[in-house]
Amino acid sequence: MLKFIRMVSIKKLVTGTKELNDVRTLLFRCHFHINSEELNLLRKRH
């Protein structure tokens, strides 16, 4: 997975910074979504 992200990052750096920013926002959204899912699970447990 890390290898894939690194490959994409290198590709995006060559392609342009706009797409790199898109990838960053996408990763951030996924991370945030996972965190909110975990929070919901924790709330249900309590």
N, C-alpha and C. Protein backbone atom coordinates (compact mmCIF):
# COMPACT_ATOMS: atom_id res chain seq x y z
N MET A 1 0.84 -1.20 0.00
CA MET A 1 0.00 0.00 0.00
C MET A 1 0.88 1.26 0.00
N LEU A 2 1.86 1.28 0.89
CA LEU A 2 2.76 2.44 0.96
C LEU A 2 3.51 2.60 -0.35
N LYS A 3 3.95 1.47 -0.92
CA LYS A 3 4.66 1.49 -2.20
C LYS A 3 3.78 2.13 -3.27
N PHE A 4 2.50 1.75 -3.28
CA PHE A 4 1.55 2.27 -4.26
C PHE A 4 1.41 3.79 -4.12
N ILE A 5 1.25 4.25 -2.87
CA ILE A 5 1.09 5.69 -2.61
C ILE A 5 2.34 6.44 -3.05
N ARG A 6 3.49 5.85 -2.79
CA ARG A 6 4.75 6.49 -3.16
C ARG A 6 4.85 6.60 -4.68
N MET A 7 4.47 5.52 -5.36
CA MET A 7 4.47 5.52 -6.82
C MET A 7 3.56 6.61 -7.36
N VAL A 8 2.35 6.68 -6.80
CA VAL A 8 1.38 7.69 -7.22
C VAL A 8 1.94 9.08 -6.96
N SER A 9 2.55 9.27 -5.81
CA SER A 9 3.10 10.58 -5.45
C SER A 9 4.14 11.03 -6.47
N ILE A 10 5.04 10.10 -6.84
CA ILE A 10 6.07 10.43 -7.81
C ILE A 10 5.43 10.78 -9.15
N LYS A 11 4.45 9.98 -9.54
CA LYS A 11 3.74 10.25 -10.80
C LYS A 11 3.09 11.62 -10.76
N LYS A 12 2.44 11.94 -9.65
CA LYS A 12 1.72 13.20 -9.53
C LYS A 12 2.69 14.38 -9.53
N LEU A 13 3.85 14.21 -8.90
CA LEU A 13 4.84 15.28 -8.89
C LEU A 13 5.27 15.60 -10.32
N VAL A 14 5.36 14.54 -11.14
CA VAL A 14 5.73 14.75 -12.54
C VAL A 14 4.56 15.38 -13.30
N THR A 15 3.35 14.90 -13.00
CA THR A 15 2.17 15.39 -13.73
C THR A 15 1.83 16.83 -13.35
N GLY A 16 1.82 17.12 -12.06
CA GLY A 16 1.47 18.47 -11.60
C GLY A 16 0.97 18.45 -10.18
N THR A 17 1.03 19.62 -9.52
CA THR A 17 0.70 19.68 -8.09
C THR A 17 -0.80 19.63 -7.85
N LYS A 18 -1.62 20.03 -8.83
CA LYS A 18 -3.07 20.04 -8.62
C LYS A 18 -3.57 18.63 -8.34
N GLU A 19 -3.12 17.67 -9.15
CA GLU A 19 -3.56 16.29 -8.96
C GLU A 19 -3.02 15.72 -7.65
N LEU A 20 -1.81 16.11 -7.29
CA LEU A 20 -1.23 15.68 -6.02
C LEU A 20 -2.10 16.14 -4.86
N ASN A 21 -2.57 17.39 -4.94
CA ASN A 21 -3.45 17.91 -3.91
C ASN A 21 -4.75 17.12 -3.86
N ASP A 22 -5.26 16.71 -5.03
CA ASP A 22 -6.47 15.90 -5.08
C ASP A 22 -6.26 14.59 -4.33
N VAL A 23 -5.09 13.97 -4.55
CA VAL A 23 -4.78 12.71 -3.87
C VAL A 23 -4.72 12.93 -2.36
N ARG A 24 -4.11 14.04 -1.97
CA ARG A 24 -3.99 14.34 -0.53
C ARG A 24 -5.36 14.51 0.10
N THR A 25 -6.24 15.25 -0.56
CA THR A 25 -7.58 15.47 0.00
C THR A 25 -8.33 14.15 0.05
N LEU A 26 -8.13 13.31 -0.96
CA LEU A 26 -8.79 12.01 -1.00
C LEU A 26 -8.34 11.16 0.18
N LEU A 27 -7.03 11.10 0.41
CA LEU A 27 -6.48 10.33 1.52
C LEU A 27 -6.98 10.89 2.85
N PHE A 28 -7.03 12.22 2.96
CA PHE A 28 -7.49 12.87 4.18
C PHE A 28 -8.95 12.52 4.44
N ARG A 29 -9.77 12.54 3.37
CA ARG A 29 -11.19 12.21 3.52
C ARG A 29 -11.36 10.77 3.98
N CYS A 30 -10.59 9.86 3.40
CA CYS A 30 -10.67 8.45 3.79
C CYS A 30 -10.30 8.31 5.26
N HIS A 31 -9.21 8.96 5.67
CA HIS A 31 -8.73 8.90 7.05
C HIS A 31 -9.79 9.45 8.01
N PHE A 32 -10.37 10.58 7.64
CA PHE A 32 -11.38 11.21 8.48
C PHE A 32 -12.62 10.32 8.58
N HIS A 33 -13.00 9.71 7.47
CA HIS A 33 -14.17 8.83 7.44
C HIS A 33 -13.94 7.64 8.36
N ILE A 34 -12.75 7.04 8.29
CA ILE A 34 -12.43 5.90 9.14
C ILE A 34 -12.49 6.32 10.61
N ASN A 35 -11.95 7.50 10.91
CA ASN A 35 -11.96 7.97 12.29
C ASN A 35 -13.39 8.16 12.80
N SER A 36 -14.25 8.72 11.97
CA SER A 36 -15.64 8.94 12.39
C SER A 36 -16.34 7.60 12.59
N GLU A 37 -16.02 6.63 11.73
CA GLU A 37 -16.60 5.29 11.89
C GLU A 37 -16.18 4.70 13.23
N GLU A 38 -14.90 4.84 13.56
CA GLU A 38 -14.40 4.31 14.84
C GLU A 38 -15.07 5.01 16.01
N LEU A 39 -15.26 6.32 15.90
CA LEU A 39 -15.92 7.06 16.97
C LEU A 39 -17.34 6.56 17.18
N ASN A 40 -18.04 6.30 16.09
CA ASN A 40 -19.41 5.79 16.19
C ASN A 40 -19.42 4.43 16.90
N LEU A 41 -18.45 3.57 16.57
CA LEU A 41 -18.37 2.26 17.21
C LEU A 41 -18.11 2.42 18.71
N LEU A 42 -17.22 3.34 19.07
CA LEU A 42 -16.92 3.57 20.48
C LEU A 42 -18.15 4.09 21.21
N ARG A 43 -18.92 4.97 20.57
CA ARG A 43 -20.12 5.51 21.20
C ARG A 43 -21.14 4.41 21.45
N LYS A 44 -21.26 3.48 20.49
CA LYS A 44 -22.23 2.40 20.64
C LYS A 44 -21.84 1.47 21.80
N ARG A 45 -20.55 1.29 22.01
CA ARG A 45 -20.09 0.41 23.08
C ARG A 45 -20.44 0.97 24.45
N HIS A 46 -20.31 2.29 24.60
CA HIS A 46 -20.56 2.92 25.91
C HIS A 46 -22.03 3.04 26.23
